[in-house]
Amino acid sequence: MIKRILSREHAAKWRVAGIAIIMTLAAQGGLAQDATEVPPVVPGAKPAWVEHIKIRGTSLEGNLGGDAVDRDAVVFLPPSYTKEKHRRYPVVYALHGFTDKAEWFTHDIRAPQTMEGAWAKGSQEMIVVLPDSYTVYGGSMYSSSVTTGDYEKFIAHDVVAYIDAHYRTIPNRGSRGLAGHSMGGYGTARIGMKHPDVFSSLYIGCSPLSF
C-alpha cells in the first residue's frame, strides 16, 4: 500500500491541482497505445501553451545502450502563464508507459484538451511536464541502470532542476506531483517513495497487463 502524507494546506491544494492530470490518466483505461475516448470539449475553455523542449540528462551519460542523453519533453503551460508574468505554478510530472514516448503519450491521454477542460471547470492551474524515457529496449522502467542510464535520477533531479530553472514554478516538494501509467506507474511509485524530498503527491495508474 502506498500512502500519501501531506500537510493540511498541501493536501487541500493538491486535491485541486491533481484533478487535471488524474482525469487525463484515468481516461486511458488500457495500454498506453490503445485508442481512448476523446473527452468532450468544454465550451469557453482557454487553450494551453504547448512547448517541445530538450532536457540534458547528465544522469544518462555513458549508458551502454547508446541512447541520446538530450531527451525530449513536452511542457503544457496553463492559459494564464503568458499573461500573469509574476505568478508561479505547481508542477505535475507525468511518466509514460513501456514502448511509449512523450509525444505519443500526449495523444494517448488527449492532452491538452483534457487539461483545458479541467481548468475551465475550476481545477487549479499548473504546469504539466511529460519527459521522454523511451530507450533502445523500449523503456527504462525509471530505474538506475548502467545499461539504460539512471532514469530515477534523471526524473528526480535533471528534469526537475531544468523545469525549475526555466519556468515559473513553485520550487518545493509541496508543489510537485508525480503521476504515471503502467511502466510510468511503477516509476512513480519507485521515484516517489525514494525521493519524498522532491515530490509530495503521487498518482499511480496501471493497465490490466502491467502485472
N, C-alpha and C. Protein backbone atom coordinates (compact mmCIF):
# COMPACT_ATOMS: atom_id res chain seq x y z
N MET A 1 0.84 -1.18 0.00
CA MET A 1 0.00 0.00 0.00
C MET A 1 0.88 1.24 0.00
N ILE A 2 0.52 2.21 -0.80
CA ILE A 2 1.26 3.46 -0.86
C ILE A 2 0.43 4.54 -0.20
N LYS A 3 1.00 5.17 0.79
CA LYS A 3 0.28 6.22 1.50
C LYS A 3 0.82 7.57 1.07
N ARG A 4 -0.04 8.54 0.96
CA ARG A 4 0.35 9.90 0.64
C ARG A 4 0.20 10.73 1.90
N ILE A 5 1.29 11.32 2.35
CA ILE A 5 1.28 12.08 3.58
C ILE A 5 1.53 13.54 3.23
N LEU A 6 0.58 14.40 3.49
CA LEU A 6 0.68 15.81 3.17
C LEU A 6 0.26 16.64 4.37
N SER A 7 0.79 17.85 4.45
CA SER A 7 0.28 18.78 5.44
C SER A 7 -1.13 19.18 5.03
N ARG A 8 -1.87 19.76 5.96
CA ARG A 8 -3.26 20.10 5.66
C ARG A 8 -3.38 21.05 4.49
N GLU A 9 -2.51 22.09 4.45
CA GLU A 9 -2.61 23.06 3.36
C GLU A 9 -2.18 22.47 2.04
N HIS A 10 -1.17 21.60 2.07
CA HIS A 10 -0.74 20.95 0.82
C HIS A 10 -1.80 19.97 0.33
N ALA A 11 -2.41 19.27 1.23
CA ALA A 11 -3.45 18.32 0.84
C ALA A 11 -4.60 19.04 0.15
N ALA A 12 -4.99 20.18 0.68
CA ALA A 12 -6.08 20.93 0.07
C ALA A 12 -5.71 21.41 -1.32
N LYS A 13 -4.46 21.85 -1.47
CA LYS A 13 -4.02 22.34 -2.77
C LYS A 13 -3.97 21.23 -3.80
N TRP A 14 -3.41 20.07 -3.42
CA TRP A 14 -3.24 19.01 -4.40
C TRP A 14 -4.53 18.28 -4.72
N ARG A 15 -5.51 18.35 -3.86
CA ARG A 15 -6.82 17.78 -4.22
C ARG A 15 -7.36 18.47 -5.45
N VAL A 16 -7.06 19.76 -5.57
CA VAL A 16 -7.50 20.53 -6.73
C VAL A 16 -6.50 20.42 -7.87
N ALA A 17 -5.21 20.63 -7.55
CA ALA A 17 -4.19 20.69 -8.60
C ALA A 17 -4.02 19.37 -9.32
N GLY A 18 -4.29 18.25 -8.66
CA GLY A 18 -4.11 16.95 -9.29
C GLY A 18 -5.25 16.51 -10.17
N ILE A 19 -6.36 17.23 -10.16
CA ILE A 19 -7.55 16.76 -10.87
C ILE A 19 -7.29 16.61 -12.37
N ALA A 20 -6.65 17.60 -12.98
CA ALA A 20 -6.49 17.57 -14.43
C ALA A 20 -5.67 16.36 -14.89
N ILE A 21 -4.52 16.14 -14.28
CA ILE A 21 -3.69 15.03 -14.73
C ILE A 21 -4.29 13.69 -14.34
N ILE A 22 -4.96 13.62 -13.19
CA ILE A 22 -5.61 12.38 -12.79
C ILE A 22 -6.73 12.03 -13.76
N MET A 23 -7.54 13.03 -14.12
CA MET A 23 -8.61 12.80 -15.09
C MET A 23 -8.02 12.35 -16.42
N THR A 24 -6.91 12.95 -16.81
CA THR A 24 -6.29 12.61 -18.08
C THR A 24 -5.80 11.18 -18.10
N LEU A 25 -5.07 10.78 -17.05
CA LEU A 25 -4.53 9.43 -17.00
C LEU A 25 -5.63 8.40 -16.81
N ALA A 26 -6.61 8.71 -16.00
CA ALA A 26 -7.68 7.76 -15.75
C ALA A 26 -8.49 7.47 -17.00
N ALA A 27 -8.49 8.42 -17.92
CA ALA A 27 -9.25 8.23 -19.16
C ALA A 27 -8.65 7.18 -20.07
N GLN A 28 -7.38 6.82 -19.80
CA GLN A 28 -6.72 5.85 -20.67
C GLN A 28 -7.37 4.49 -20.60
N GLY A 29 -7.47 3.95 -19.42
CA GLY A 29 -8.14 2.68 -19.23
C GLY A 29 -7.32 1.46 -19.57
N GLY A 30 -6.57 1.46 -20.68
CA GLY A 30 -5.87 0.26 -21.12
C GLY A 30 -4.40 0.52 -21.36
N LEU A 31 -3.84 -0.17 -22.33
CA LEU A 31 -2.44 0.01 -22.65
C LEU A 31 -2.20 1.42 -23.17
N ALA A 32 -0.94 1.85 -23.06
CA ALA A 32 -0.59 3.22 -23.44
C ALA A 32 -0.92 3.50 -24.90
N GLN A 33 -0.83 2.48 -25.75
CA GLN A 33 -1.05 2.71 -27.17
C GLN A 33 -2.51 2.55 -27.60
N ASP A 34 -3.38 2.11 -26.70
CA ASP A 34 -4.77 1.89 -27.06
C ASP A 34 -5.48 3.20 -27.34
N ALA A 35 -6.46 3.15 -28.26
CA ALA A 35 -7.29 4.31 -28.52
C ALA A 35 -8.16 4.58 -27.31
N THR A 36 -8.34 5.83 -26.99
CA THR A 36 -9.15 6.20 -25.84
C THR A 36 -10.25 7.16 -26.25
N GLU A 37 -11.25 7.24 -25.43
CA GLU A 37 -12.38 8.12 -25.71
C GLU A 37 -11.93 9.56 -25.62
N VAL A 38 -12.30 10.34 -26.62
CA VAL A 38 -11.94 11.76 -26.61
C VAL A 38 -12.86 12.49 -25.64
N PRO A 39 -12.31 13.22 -24.67
CA PRO A 39 -13.16 13.94 -23.73
C PRO A 39 -13.90 15.06 -24.44
N PRO A 40 -15.10 15.37 -24.00
CA PRO A 40 -15.86 16.44 -24.65
C PRO A 40 -15.19 17.79 -24.48
N VAL A 41 -15.31 18.62 -25.48
CA VAL A 41 -14.78 19.97 -25.41
C VAL A 41 -15.63 20.78 -24.45
N VAL A 42 -14.99 21.48 -23.53
CA VAL A 42 -15.70 22.33 -22.59
C VAL A 42 -15.84 23.72 -23.21
N PRO A 43 -17.05 24.18 -23.41
CA PRO A 43 -17.25 25.50 -24.02
C PRO A 43 -16.52 26.59 -23.23
N GLY A 44 -15.81 27.43 -23.94
CA GLY A 44 -15.12 28.54 -23.30
C GLY A 44 -13.76 28.19 -22.71
N ALA A 45 -13.34 26.94 -22.83
CA ALA A 45 -12.04 26.55 -22.28
C ALA A 45 -10.92 27.28 -23.03
N LYS A 46 -10.01 27.85 -22.27
CA LYS A 46 -8.89 28.58 -22.87
C LYS A 46 -7.76 27.63 -23.20
N PRO A 47 -7.06 27.87 -24.29
CA PRO A 47 -6.02 26.93 -24.73
C PRO A 47 -4.77 26.98 -23.86
N ALA A 48 -4.18 25.82 -23.68
CA ALA A 48 -2.88 25.73 -23.02
C ALA A 48 -1.79 26.06 -24.03
N TRP A 49 -0.63 26.46 -23.52
CA TRP A 49 0.52 26.68 -24.37
C TRP A 49 1.38 25.43 -24.31
N VAL A 50 1.74 24.88 -25.48
CA VAL A 50 2.50 23.63 -25.54
C VAL A 50 3.91 23.90 -26.04
N GLU A 51 4.91 23.42 -25.30
CA GLU A 51 6.30 23.58 -25.71
C GLU A 51 6.98 22.22 -25.81
N HIS A 52 7.72 22.01 -26.88
CA HIS A 52 8.51 20.80 -27.07
C HIS A 52 9.97 21.18 -26.84
N ILE A 53 10.58 20.59 -25.83
CA ILE A 53 11.91 21.00 -25.42
C ILE A 53 12.85 19.79 -25.35
N LYS A 54 14.13 20.08 -25.13
CA LYS A 54 15.14 19.06 -24.87
C LYS A 54 15.70 19.29 -23.47
N ILE A 55 15.87 18.22 -22.71
CA ILE A 55 16.46 18.30 -21.38
C ILE A 55 17.71 17.44 -21.35
N ARG A 56 18.82 18.03 -20.95
CA ARG A 56 20.07 17.29 -20.87
C ARG A 56 20.03 16.33 -19.70
N GLY A 57 20.19 15.04 -19.98
CA GLY A 57 20.18 14.03 -18.94
C GLY A 57 21.59 13.65 -18.54
N THR A 58 22.20 14.44 -17.68
CA THR A 58 23.55 14.11 -17.24
C THR A 58 23.58 12.76 -16.53
N SER A 59 22.46 12.37 -15.94
CA SER A 59 22.38 11.08 -15.25
C SER A 59 22.38 9.91 -16.23
N LEU A 60 22.20 10.19 -17.50
CA LEU A 60 22.12 9.14 -18.52
C LEU A 60 23.41 8.99 -19.31
N GLU A 61 24.37 9.84 -19.03
CA GLU A 61 25.62 9.82 -19.78
C GLU A 61 26.34 8.48 -19.59
N GLY A 62 26.87 7.95 -20.70
CA GLY A 62 27.61 6.70 -20.65
C GLY A 62 26.75 5.45 -20.65
N ASN A 63 25.43 5.59 -20.88
CA ASN A 63 24.58 4.40 -20.90
C ASN A 63 25.01 3.44 -21.99
N LEU A 64 24.99 2.14 -21.68
CA LEU A 64 25.52 1.13 -22.60
C LEU A 64 24.64 0.91 -23.83
N GLY A 65 23.39 1.35 -23.74
CA GLY A 65 22.50 1.21 -24.89
C GLY A 65 22.76 2.23 -25.97
N GLY A 66 23.54 3.26 -25.64
CA GLY A 66 23.85 4.29 -26.63
C GLY A 66 22.73 5.27 -26.89
N ASP A 67 21.74 5.33 -25.99
CA ASP A 67 20.63 6.27 -26.18
C ASP A 67 21.09 7.71 -25.97
N ALA A 68 20.46 8.62 -26.69
CA ALA A 68 20.78 10.04 -26.55
C ALA A 68 20.51 10.51 -25.12
N VAL A 69 21.36 11.40 -24.64
CA VAL A 69 21.18 11.93 -23.29
C VAL A 69 20.43 13.25 -23.31
N ASP A 70 20.27 13.85 -24.48
CA ASP A 70 19.40 15.01 -24.62
C ASP A 70 18.00 14.50 -24.93
N ARG A 71 17.12 14.55 -23.93
CA ARG A 71 15.83 13.89 -24.02
C ARG A 71 14.71 14.87 -24.35
N ASP A 72 13.77 14.39 -25.18
CA ASP A 72 12.58 15.19 -25.47
C ASP A 72 11.69 15.30 -24.25
N ALA A 73 10.96 16.38 -24.19
CA ALA A 73 9.93 16.56 -23.16
C ALA A 73 8.87 17.49 -23.72
N VAL A 74 7.65 17.29 -23.29
CA VAL A 74 6.54 18.15 -23.68
C VAL A 74 6.06 18.87 -22.42
N VAL A 75 5.95 20.18 -22.52
CA VAL A 75 5.53 21.00 -21.38
C VAL A 75 4.23 21.70 -21.72
N PHE A 76 3.25 21.55 -20.85
CA PHE A 76 1.96 22.22 -21.01
C PHE A 76 1.87 23.34 -19.98
N LEU A 77 1.71 24.57 -20.49
CA LEU A 77 1.59 25.74 -19.63
C LEU A 77 0.13 26.19 -19.59
N PRO A 78 -0.39 26.52 -18.42
CA PRO A 78 -1.80 26.89 -18.30
C PRO A 78 -2.10 28.21 -18.98
N PRO A 79 -3.37 28.47 -19.27
CA PRO A 79 -3.75 29.67 -20.03
C PRO A 79 -3.25 30.98 -19.45
N SER A 80 -3.14 31.07 -18.14
CA SER A 80 -2.73 32.35 -17.53
C SER A 80 -1.23 32.57 -17.55
N TYR A 81 -0.45 31.56 -17.94
CA TYR A 81 1.01 31.62 -17.77
C TYR A 81 1.64 32.80 -18.51
N THR A 82 1.24 33.04 -19.74
CA THR A 82 1.87 34.11 -20.53
C THR A 82 1.35 35.50 -20.17
N LYS A 83 0.27 35.56 -19.40
CA LYS A 83 -0.33 36.85 -19.05
C LYS A 83 0.06 37.30 -17.65
N GLU A 84 0.08 36.38 -16.71
CA GLU A 84 0.39 36.72 -15.33
C GLU A 84 1.88 36.46 -15.09
N LYS A 85 2.69 37.43 -15.44
CA LYS A 85 4.14 37.26 -15.52
C LYS A 85 4.82 37.01 -14.18
N HIS A 86 4.17 37.34 -13.09
CA HIS A 86 4.79 37.17 -11.78
C HIS A 86 4.21 35.97 -11.02
N ARG A 87 3.30 35.29 -11.62
CA ARG A 87 2.65 34.15 -10.95
C ARG A 87 3.51 32.89 -11.10
N ARG A 88 3.56 32.10 -10.03
CA ARG A 88 4.26 30.82 -10.06
C ARG A 88 3.26 29.67 -9.93
N TYR A 89 3.65 28.49 -10.41
CA TYR A 89 2.70 27.40 -10.55
C TYR A 89 3.25 26.09 -9.98
N PRO A 90 2.39 25.26 -9.42
CA PRO A 90 2.79 23.89 -9.08
C PRO A 90 3.02 23.10 -10.36
N VAL A 91 3.72 21.99 -10.24
CA VAL A 91 4.06 21.19 -11.41
C VAL A 91 3.69 19.73 -11.18
N VAL A 92 3.09 19.11 -12.19
CA VAL A 92 2.87 17.67 -12.20
C VAL A 92 3.74 17.07 -13.30
N TYR A 93 4.54 16.08 -12.93
CA TYR A 93 5.38 15.35 -13.88
C TYR A 93 4.68 14.02 -14.19
N ALA A 94 4.38 13.77 -15.46
CA ALA A 94 3.63 12.59 -15.87
C ALA A 94 4.54 11.64 -16.66
N LEU A 95 4.62 10.39 -16.20
CA LEU A 95 5.53 9.40 -16.78
C LEU A 95 4.78 8.42 -17.69
N HIS A 96 5.27 8.22 -18.89
CA HIS A 96 4.60 7.35 -19.86
C HIS A 96 4.95 5.89 -19.61
N GLY A 97 4.24 5.02 -20.33
CA GLY A 97 4.41 3.58 -20.17
C GLY A 97 5.45 2.98 -21.09
N PHE A 98 5.61 1.66 -20.98
CA PHE A 98 6.59 0.90 -21.76
C PHE A 98 6.26 0.98 -23.24
N THR A 99 7.27 1.16 -24.07
CA THR A 99 7.24 1.32 -25.53
C THR A 99 6.60 2.64 -25.97
N ASP A 100 6.22 3.49 -25.04
CA ASP A 100 5.62 4.78 -25.38
C ASP A 100 6.71 5.84 -25.40
N LYS A 101 6.36 7.01 -25.90
CA LYS A 101 7.24 8.17 -25.91
C LYS A 101 6.44 9.38 -25.44
N ALA A 102 7.14 10.44 -25.08
CA ALA A 102 6.45 11.62 -24.56
C ALA A 102 5.43 12.17 -25.56
N GLU A 103 5.83 12.28 -26.81
CA GLU A 103 4.94 12.83 -27.82
C GLU A 103 3.72 11.93 -28.03
N TRP A 104 3.94 10.62 -28.10
CA TRP A 104 2.81 9.70 -28.25
C TRP A 104 1.89 9.77 -27.04
N PHE A 105 2.49 9.93 -25.87
CA PHE A 105 1.72 9.96 -24.63
C PHE A 105 0.74 11.13 -24.62
N THR A 106 1.11 12.24 -25.25
CA THR A 106 0.19 13.38 -25.30
C THR A 106 -1.09 13.00 -26.02
N HIS A 107 -0.97 12.15 -27.05
CA HIS A 107 -2.16 11.72 -27.79
C HIS A 107 -2.92 10.65 -27.00
N ASP A 108 -2.19 9.77 -26.33
CA ASP A 108 -2.83 8.74 -25.52
C ASP A 108 -3.76 9.34 -24.48
N ILE A 109 -3.30 10.39 -23.83
CA ILE A 109 -4.07 10.97 -22.72
C ILE A 109 -4.88 12.19 -23.15
N ARG A 110 -4.93 12.43 -24.46
CA ARG A 110 -5.75 13.51 -25.03
C ARG A 110 -5.37 14.86 -24.44
N ALA A 111 -4.08 15.10 -24.40
CA ALA A 111 -3.60 16.39 -23.93
C ALA A 111 -3.37 17.31 -25.15
N PRO A 112 -3.66 18.59 -24.99
CA PRO A 112 -4.03 19.26 -23.74
C PRO A 112 -5.54 19.42 -23.52
N GLN A 113 -6.36 18.78 -24.36
CA GLN A 113 -7.80 19.03 -24.28
C GLN A 113 -8.37 18.70 -22.92
N THR A 114 -7.94 17.57 -22.33
CA THR A 114 -8.47 17.21 -21.01
C THR A 114 -8.06 18.23 -19.96
N MET A 115 -6.82 18.67 -20.03
CA MET A 115 -6.35 19.67 -19.07
C MET A 115 -7.11 20.98 -19.21
N GLU A 116 -7.30 21.41 -20.44
CA GLU A 116 -8.01 22.66 -20.69
C GLU A 116 -9.43 22.59 -20.15
N GLY A 117 -10.06 21.44 -20.35
CA GLY A 117 -11.42 21.27 -19.82
C GLY A 117 -11.46 21.30 -18.31
N ALA A 118 -10.49 20.64 -17.67
CA ALA A 118 -10.45 20.62 -16.21
C ALA A 118 -10.21 22.01 -15.66
N TRP A 119 -9.30 22.76 -16.28
CA TRP A 119 -9.04 24.12 -15.81
C TRP A 119 -10.28 25.00 -16.00
N ALA A 120 -10.96 24.82 -17.12
CA ALA A 120 -12.17 25.62 -17.37
C ALA A 120 -13.25 25.33 -16.34
N LYS A 121 -13.23 24.12 -15.77
CA LYS A 121 -14.23 23.74 -14.76
C LYS A 121 -13.79 24.10 -13.35
N GLY A 122 -12.64 24.74 -13.21
CA GLY A 122 -12.24 25.24 -11.89
C GLY A 122 -11.04 24.58 -11.25
N SER A 123 -10.43 23.59 -11.90
CA SER A 123 -9.22 22.99 -11.32
C SER A 123 -8.10 24.03 -11.28
N GLN A 124 -7.28 23.94 -10.27
CA GLN A 124 -6.17 24.88 -10.15
C GLN A 124 -5.22 24.72 -11.31
N GLU A 125 -4.78 25.83 -11.86
CA GLU A 125 -3.84 25.77 -12.97
C GLU A 125 -2.48 25.28 -12.50
N MET A 126 -1.79 24.56 -13.37
CA MET A 126 -0.48 24.02 -13.06
C MET A 126 0.29 23.84 -14.35
N ILE A 127 1.58 23.59 -14.22
CA ILE A 127 2.41 23.19 -15.33
C ILE A 127 2.44 21.66 -15.35
N VAL A 128 2.30 21.07 -16.53
CA VAL A 128 2.36 19.61 -16.66
C VAL A 128 3.52 19.26 -17.59
N VAL A 129 4.38 18.36 -17.13
CA VAL A 129 5.59 18.01 -17.87
C VAL A 129 5.58 16.52 -18.19
N LEU A 130 5.79 16.18 -19.47
CA LEU A 130 5.88 14.79 -19.92
C LEU A 130 7.30 14.54 -20.43
N PRO A 131 8.19 13.97 -19.62
CA PRO A 131 9.54 13.66 -20.09
C PRO A 131 9.57 12.34 -20.86
N ASP A 132 10.45 12.26 -21.84
CA ASP A 132 10.56 11.05 -22.66
C ASP A 132 11.60 10.10 -22.06
N SER A 133 11.17 8.86 -21.80
CA SER A 133 12.07 7.86 -21.22
C SER A 133 12.12 6.60 -22.07
N TYR A 134 11.85 6.76 -23.36
CA TYR A 134 11.95 5.63 -24.28
C TYR A 134 13.42 5.30 -24.51
N THR A 135 13.74 4.01 -24.59
CA THR A 135 15.12 3.59 -24.83
C THR A 135 15.16 2.59 -25.98
N VAL A 136 16.36 2.18 -26.35
CA VAL A 136 16.53 1.18 -27.40
C VAL A 136 15.88 -0.14 -27.02
N TYR A 137 15.63 -0.33 -25.72
CA TYR A 137 14.98 -1.55 -25.24
C TYR A 137 13.47 -1.38 -25.09
N GLY A 138 12.94 -0.23 -25.44
CA GLY A 138 11.51 0.02 -25.35
C GLY A 138 11.10 0.81 -24.13
N GLY A 139 11.96 0.87 -23.14
CA GLY A 139 11.63 1.61 -21.93
C GLY A 139 12.76 1.53 -20.92
N SER A 140 12.65 2.32 -19.89
CA SER A 140 13.71 2.42 -18.89
C SER A 140 13.33 1.83 -17.54
N MET A 141 12.04 1.60 -17.33
CA MET A 141 11.50 1.21 -16.02
C MET A 141 11.83 2.26 -14.95
N TYR A 142 12.32 3.41 -15.38
CA TYR A 142 12.63 4.52 -14.46
C TYR A 142 13.55 4.06 -13.33
N SER A 143 14.48 3.18 -13.68
CA SER A 143 15.38 2.60 -12.68
C SER A 143 16.79 3.16 -12.86
N SER A 144 17.68 2.76 -11.98
CA SER A 144 19.08 3.15 -12.05
C SER A 144 19.86 2.00 -12.68
N SER A 145 20.31 2.18 -13.91
CA SER A 145 20.93 1.08 -14.64
C SER A 145 22.10 1.60 -15.48
N VAL A 146 23.20 0.85 -15.48
CA VAL A 146 24.32 1.24 -16.35
C VAL A 146 23.97 0.97 -17.81
N THR A 147 22.98 0.11 -18.04
CA THR A 147 22.60 -0.24 -19.40
C THR A 147 21.76 0.86 -20.04
N THR A 148 20.70 1.28 -19.35
CA THR A 148 19.83 2.32 -19.90
C THR A 148 20.19 3.71 -19.42
N GLY A 149 20.90 3.78 -18.29
CA GLY A 149 21.16 5.07 -17.66
C GLY A 149 20.34 5.20 -16.39
N ASP A 150 20.66 6.18 -15.58
CA ASP A 150 19.99 6.36 -14.29
C ASP A 150 18.73 7.23 -14.49
N TYR A 151 17.63 6.57 -14.87
CA TYR A 151 16.40 7.31 -15.13
C TYR A 151 15.72 7.76 -13.83
N GLU A 152 16.00 7.09 -12.75
CA GLU A 152 15.49 7.55 -11.46
C GLU A 152 16.02 8.96 -11.17
N LYS A 153 17.32 9.11 -11.28
CA LYS A 153 17.94 10.41 -11.03
C LYS A 153 17.59 11.41 -12.12
N PHE A 154 17.45 10.92 -13.35
CA PHE A 154 17.07 11.81 -14.45
C PHE A 154 15.75 12.52 -14.15
N ILE A 155 14.75 11.76 -13.70
CA ILE A 155 13.45 12.35 -13.39
C ILE A 155 13.52 13.20 -12.13
N ALA A 156 14.07 12.64 -11.06
CA ALA A 156 14.04 13.31 -9.75
C ALA A 156 14.99 14.51 -9.67
N HIS A 157 16.03 14.52 -10.51
CA HIS A 157 16.99 15.61 -10.43
C HIS A 157 17.08 16.43 -11.72
N ASP A 158 17.48 15.77 -12.82
CA ASP A 158 17.74 16.52 -14.05
C ASP A 158 16.50 17.24 -14.57
N VAL A 159 15.40 16.51 -14.67
CA VAL A 159 14.17 17.11 -15.22
C VAL A 159 13.64 18.19 -14.29
N VAL A 160 13.55 17.88 -13.00
CA VAL A 160 13.02 18.86 -12.04
C VAL A 160 13.88 20.11 -12.01
N ALA A 161 15.20 19.94 -11.99
CA ALA A 161 16.10 21.09 -11.95
C ALA A 161 15.95 21.96 -13.19
N TYR A 162 15.80 21.31 -14.36
CA TYR A 162 15.63 22.07 -15.60
C TYR A 162 14.33 22.87 -15.59
N ILE A 163 13.26 22.21 -15.22
CA ILE A 163 11.95 22.89 -15.22
C ILE A 163 11.95 24.04 -14.21
N ASP A 164 12.51 23.83 -13.03
CA ASP A 164 12.57 24.90 -12.03
C ASP A 164 13.41 26.08 -12.52
N ALA A 165 14.45 25.79 -13.32
CA ALA A 165 15.34 26.85 -13.80
C ALA A 165 14.77 27.62 -14.98
N HIS A 166 13.86 27.01 -15.74
CA HIS A 166 13.40 27.62 -16.99
C HIS A 166 11.93 28.05 -16.97
N TYR A 167 11.20 27.67 -15.94
CA TYR A 167 9.78 28.05 -15.87
C TYR A 167 9.46 28.61 -14.48
N ARG A 168 8.35 29.31 -14.39
CA ARG A 168 7.96 29.94 -13.13
C ARG A 168 7.23 28.91 -12.26
N THR A 169 7.99 28.04 -11.68
CA THR A 169 7.44 27.01 -10.81
C THR A 169 7.44 27.50 -9.36
N ILE A 170 6.77 26.73 -8.50
CA ILE A 170 6.92 26.89 -7.06
C ILE A 170 7.92 25.80 -6.67
N PRO A 171 9.19 26.15 -6.48
CA PRO A 171 10.26 25.15 -6.41
C PRO A 171 10.41 24.48 -5.04
N ASN A 172 9.39 23.77 -4.63
CA ASN A 172 9.50 22.99 -3.40
C ASN A 172 8.64 21.74 -3.53
N ARG A 173 8.90 20.74 -2.69
CA ARG A 173 8.24 19.45 -2.78
C ARG A 173 6.72 19.56 -2.65
N GLY A 174 6.27 20.51 -1.84
CA GLY A 174 4.83 20.66 -1.63
C GLY A 174 4.07 21.08 -2.85
N SER A 175 4.78 21.54 -3.86
CA SER A 175 4.14 21.98 -5.11
C SER A 175 4.55 21.13 -6.30
N ARG A 176 5.02 19.90 -6.01
CA ARG A 176 5.37 18.98 -7.08
C ARG A 176 4.60 17.67 -6.92
N GLY A 177 4.00 17.22 -8.03
CA GLY A 177 3.35 15.92 -8.04
C GLY A 177 3.95 15.04 -9.11
N LEU A 178 3.83 13.73 -8.92
CA LEU A 178 4.36 12.76 -9.87
C LEU A 178 3.25 11.78 -10.20
N ALA A 179 3.01 11.57 -11.50
CA ALA A 179 1.94 10.68 -11.94
C ALA A 179 2.47 9.78 -13.04
N GLY A 180 1.88 8.59 -13.18
CA GLY A 180 2.34 7.71 -14.24
C GLY A 180 1.39 6.58 -14.52
N HIS A 181 1.51 6.02 -15.73
CA HIS A 181 0.65 4.93 -16.17
C HIS A 181 1.52 3.74 -16.56
N SER A 182 1.13 2.53 -16.13
CA SER A 182 1.83 1.31 -16.49
C SER A 182 3.28 1.39 -16.03
N MET A 183 4.26 1.30 -16.94
CA MET A 183 5.64 1.47 -16.53
C MET A 183 5.84 2.78 -15.78
N GLY A 184 5.11 3.81 -16.21
CA GLY A 184 5.18 5.09 -15.53
C GLY A 184 4.58 5.04 -14.13
N GLY A 185 3.60 4.15 -13.93
CA GLY A 185 3.05 3.97 -12.59
C GLY A 185 4.09 3.35 -11.67
N TYR A 186 4.83 2.37 -12.21
CA TYR A 186 5.92 1.78 -11.43
C TYR A 186 6.97 2.83 -11.12
N GLY A 187 7.32 3.64 -12.14
CA GLY A 187 8.30 4.70 -11.92
C GLY A 187 7.84 5.70 -10.90
N THR A 188 6.55 6.02 -10.91
CA THR A 188 6.02 6.96 -9.93
C THR A 188 6.16 6.41 -8.52
N ALA A 189 5.82 5.13 -8.34
CA ALA A 189 5.94 4.51 -7.02
C ALA A 189 7.40 4.47 -6.58
N ARG A 190 8.26 4.04 -7.47
CA ARG A 190 9.68 3.91 -7.15
C ARG A 190 10.31 5.26 -6.80
N ILE A 191 10.15 6.21 -7.71
CA ILE A 191 10.80 7.51 -7.53
C ILE A 191 10.14 8.29 -6.40
N GLY A 192 8.82 8.23 -6.34
CA GLY A 192 8.12 8.97 -5.29
C GLY A 192 8.50 8.53 -3.90
N MET A 193 8.62 7.21 -3.69
CA MET A 193 8.96 6.71 -2.36
C MET A 193 10.44 6.93 -2.03
N LYS A 194 11.30 6.93 -3.05
CA LYS A 194 12.72 7.11 -2.79
C LYS A 194 13.13 8.58 -2.72
N HIS A 195 12.25 9.46 -3.21
CA HIS A 195 12.58 10.88 -3.21
C HIS A 195 11.42 11.71 -2.64
N PRO A 196 11.03 11.46 -1.40
CA PRO A 196 9.95 12.24 -0.80
C PRO A 196 10.34 13.69 -0.56
N ASP A 197 11.63 13.98 -0.65
CA ASP A 197 12.09 15.36 -0.51
C ASP A 197 11.84 16.17 -1.78
N VAL A 198 11.51 15.47 -2.88
CA VAL A 198 11.29 16.14 -4.16
C VAL A 198 9.80 16.23 -4.50
N PHE A 199 9.06 15.12 -4.26
CA PHE A 199 7.65 15.05 -4.64
C PHE A 199 6.78 14.82 -3.40
N SER A 200 5.67 15.54 -3.34
CA SER A 200 4.77 15.41 -2.19
C SER A 200 3.49 14.65 -2.49
N SER A 201 3.21 14.42 -3.78
CA SER A 201 1.93 13.81 -4.15
C SER A 201 2.13 12.86 -5.31
N LEU A 202 1.50 11.67 -5.25
CA LEU A 202 1.65 10.65 -6.27
C LEU A 202 0.29 10.21 -6.80
N TYR A 203 0.24 9.93 -8.11
CA TYR A 203 -0.92 9.26 -8.69
C TYR A 203 -0.38 8.12 -9.52
N ILE A 204 -0.82 6.91 -9.22
CA ILE A 204 -0.27 5.71 -9.87
C ILE A 204 -1.37 5.00 -10.64
N GLY A 205 -1.18 4.82 -11.94
CA GLY A 205 -2.14 4.11 -12.77
C GLY A 205 -1.49 2.89 -13.38
N CYS A 206 -2.29 1.88 -13.72
CA CYS A 206 -1.74 0.69 -14.35
C CYS A 206 -2.78 0.12 -15.30
N SER A 207 -2.31 -0.70 -16.22
CA SER A 207 -3.21 -1.40 -17.14
C SER A 207 -3.35 -2.83 -16.68
N PRO A 208 -4.35 -3.56 -17.18
CA PRO A 208 -4.52 -4.97 -16.77
C PRO A 208 -3.32 -5.84 -17.08
N LEU A 209 -2.46 -5.44 -18.04
CA LEU A 209 -1.32 -6.25 -18.41
C LEU A 209 -0.03 -5.76 -17.77
N SER A 210 -0.15 -4.92 -16.74
CA SER A 210 1.04 -4.36 -16.10
C SER A 210 1.63 -5.31 -15.09
N PHE A 211 0.93 -6.38 -14.76
CA PHE A 211 1.38 -7.26 -13.69
C PHE A 211 1.89 -8.59 -14.26
